[in-house]
C-alpha atoms as a PDB file:
ATOM      1  CA  UNK A   1     126.839 -73.866 163.714  1.00  0.00           C
ATOM      2  CA  UNK A   2     129.097 -76.958 163.944  1.00  0.00           C
ATOM      3  CA  UNK A   3     131.475 -78.005 166.649  1.00  0.00           C
ATOM      4  CA  UNK A   4     133.382 -75.137 168.253  1.00  0.00           C
ATOM      5  CA  UNK A   5     136.989 -74.727 167.299  1.00  0.00           C
ATOM      6  CA  UNK A   6     139.697 -75.501 169.812  1.00  0.00           C
ATOM      7  CA  UNK A   7     142.745 -73.307 170.329  1.00  0.00           C
ATOM      8  CA  UNK A   8     146.064 -73.756 172.099  1.00  0.00           C
ATOM      9  CA  UNK A   9     148.945 -71.455 172.999  1.00  0.00           C
ATOM     10  CA  UNK A  10     152.475 -72.323 171.931  1.00  0.00           C
ATOM     11  CA  UNK A  11     154.726 -72.499 175.006  1.00  0.00           C
ATOM     12  CA  UNK A  12     157.852 -73.782 173.198  1.00  0.00           C
ATOM     13  CA  UNK A  13     158.977 -73.893 169.579  1.00  0.00           C
ATOM     14  CA  UNK A  14     162.121 -75.965 170.176  1.00  0.00           C
ATOM     15  CA  UNK A  15     162.883 -77.742 166.927  1.00  0.00           C
ATOM     16  CA  UNK A  16     160.130 -75.864 165.064  1.00  0.00           C
ATOM     17  CA  UNK A  17     161.254 -72.220 165.093  1.00  0.00           C
ATOM     18  CA  UNK A  18     160.243 -71.641 161.452  1.00  0.00           C
ATOM     19  CA  UNK A  19     156.744 -73.048 162.012  1.00  0.00           C
ATOM     20  CA  UNK A  20     155.719 -71.933 165.507  1.00  0.00           C
ATOM     21  CA  UNK A  21     155.850 -68.694 167.490  1.00  0.00           C
ATOM     22  CA  UNK A  22     155.916 -68.871 171.286  1.00  0.00           C
ATOM     23  CA  UNK A  23     152.872 -67.229 172.962  1.00  0.00           C
ATOM     24  CA  UNK A  24     150.869 -67.349 169.734  1.00  0.00           C
ATOM     25  CA  UNK A  25     147.373 -68.804 169.543  1.00  0.00           C
ATOM     26  CA  UNK A  26     146.921 -71.762 167.166  1.00  0.00           C
ATOM     27  CA  UNK A  27     143.842 -73.557 165.921  1.00  0.00           C
ATOM     28  CA  UNK A  28     143.720 -77.312 166.543  1.00  0.00           C
ATOM     29  CA  UNK A  29     142.456 -79.580 163.769  1.00  0.00           C
ATOM     30  CA  UNK A  30     140.743 -82.630 165.303  1.00  0.00           C
ATOM     31  CA  UNK A  31     142.869 -85.755 164.730  1.00  0.00           C
ATOM     32  CA  UNK A  32     142.154 -88.481 167.315  1.00  0.00           C
ATOM     33  CA  UNK A  33     144.853 -90.859 166.040  1.00  0.00           C
ATOM     34  CA  UNK A  34     147.515 -88.127 166.328  1.00  0.00           C
ATOM     35  CA  UNK A  35     146.284 -87.226 169.815  1.00  0.00           C
ATOM     36  CA  UNK A  36     146.687 -90.857 170.880  1.00  0.00           C
ATOM     37  CA  UNK A  37     150.351 -90.608 169.842  1.00  0.00           C
ATOM     38  CA  UNK A  38     151.012 -87.388 171.815  1.00  0.00           C
ATOM     39  CA  UNK A  39     150.675 -85.121 168.787  1.00  0.00           C
ATOM     40  CA  UNK A  40     148.416 -82.223 167.874  1.00  0.00           C
ATOM     41  CA  UNK A  41     147.453 -81.231 164.346  1.00  0.00           C
ATOM     42  CA  UNK A  42     147.917 -77.460 164.294  1.00  0.00           C
ATOM     43  CA  UNK A  43     147.431 -74.832 161.604  1.00  0.00           C
ATOM     44  CA  UNK A  44     150.900 -73.281 161.683  1.00  0.00           C
ATOM     45  CA  UNK A  45     152.443 -70.075 160.330  1.00  0.00           C
ATOM     46  CA  UNK A  46     152.226 -71.361 156.735  1.00  0.00           C
ATOM     47  CA  UNK A  47     148.437 -71.668 157.031  1.00  0.00           C
ATOM     48  CA  UNK A  48     148.659 -75.438 156.567  1.00  0.00           C
ATOM     49  CA  UNK A  49     148.007 -78.088 159.204  1.00  0.00           C
ATOM     50  CA  UNK A  50     150.899 -80.183 160.487  1.00  0.00           C
ATOM     51  CA  UNK A  51     151.557 -82.502 163.406  1.00  0.00           C
ATOM     52  CA  UNK A  52     153.547 -81.200 166.376  1.00  0.00           C
ATOM     53  CA  UNK A  53     154.332 -82.693 169.799  1.00  0.00           C
ATOM     54  CA  UNK A  54     151.546 -81.785 172.226  1.00  0.00           C
ATOM     55  CA  UNK A  55     154.139 -80.770 174.866  1.00  0.00           C
ATOM     56  CA  UNK A  56     154.780 -77.593 172.839  1.00  0.00           C
ATOM     57  CA  UNK A  57     151.266 -76.297 173.598  1.00  0.00           C
ATOM     58  CA  UNK A  58     148.872 -75.562 176.430  1.00  0.00           C
ATOM     59  CA  UNK A  59     145.119 -75.695 175.984  1.00  0.00           C
ATOM     60  CA  UNK A  60     143.210 -72.541 176.859  1.00  0.00           C
ATOM     61  CA  UNK A  61     139.560 -71.710 177.403  1.00  0.00           C
ATOM     62  CA  UNK A  62     138.536 -68.646 175.427  1.00  0.00           C
ATOM     63  CA  UNK A  63     135.677 -66.340 176.399  1.00  0.00           C
ATOM     64  CA  UNK A  64     132.488 -67.013 174.423  1.00  0.00           C
ATOM     65  CA  UNK A  65     132.583 -63.662 172.623  1.00  0.00           C
ATOM     66  CA  UNK A  66     136.134 -64.225 171.440  1.00  0.00           C
ATOM     67  CA  UNK A  67     135.268 -67.742 170.233  1.00  0.00           C
ATOM     68  CA  UNK A  68     132.476 -66.242 168.105  1.00  0.00           C
ATOM     69  CA  UNK A  69     134.765 -63.594 166.640  1.00  0.00           C
ATOM     70  CA  UNK A  70     137.448 -66.150 165.772  1.00  0.00           C
ATOM     71  CA  UNK A  71     134.850 -68.404 164.137  1.00  0.00           C
ATOM     72  CA  UNK A  72     133.696 -65.512 161.949  1.00  0.00           C
ATOM     73  CA  UNK A  73     137.268 -64.491 161.093  1.00  0.00           C
ATOM     74  CA  UNK A  74     138.094 -67.781 159.365  1.00  0.00           C
END
């Protein structure tokens, strides 16, 4: 299996109410150049990936079993 997916929790959707839901888990798409600019590439409610300010999210560590289930679900 490849690199494990990373997830974050939305803690604010200010300015992005149509795209983000507070307290929802979102998958992060690796994008080092965006990260360097204070942005995260997130798969939002539309199912597409877009850039959002990283201050809208908090990183979380998921239990191993849940990580496996999420990997199989996508």
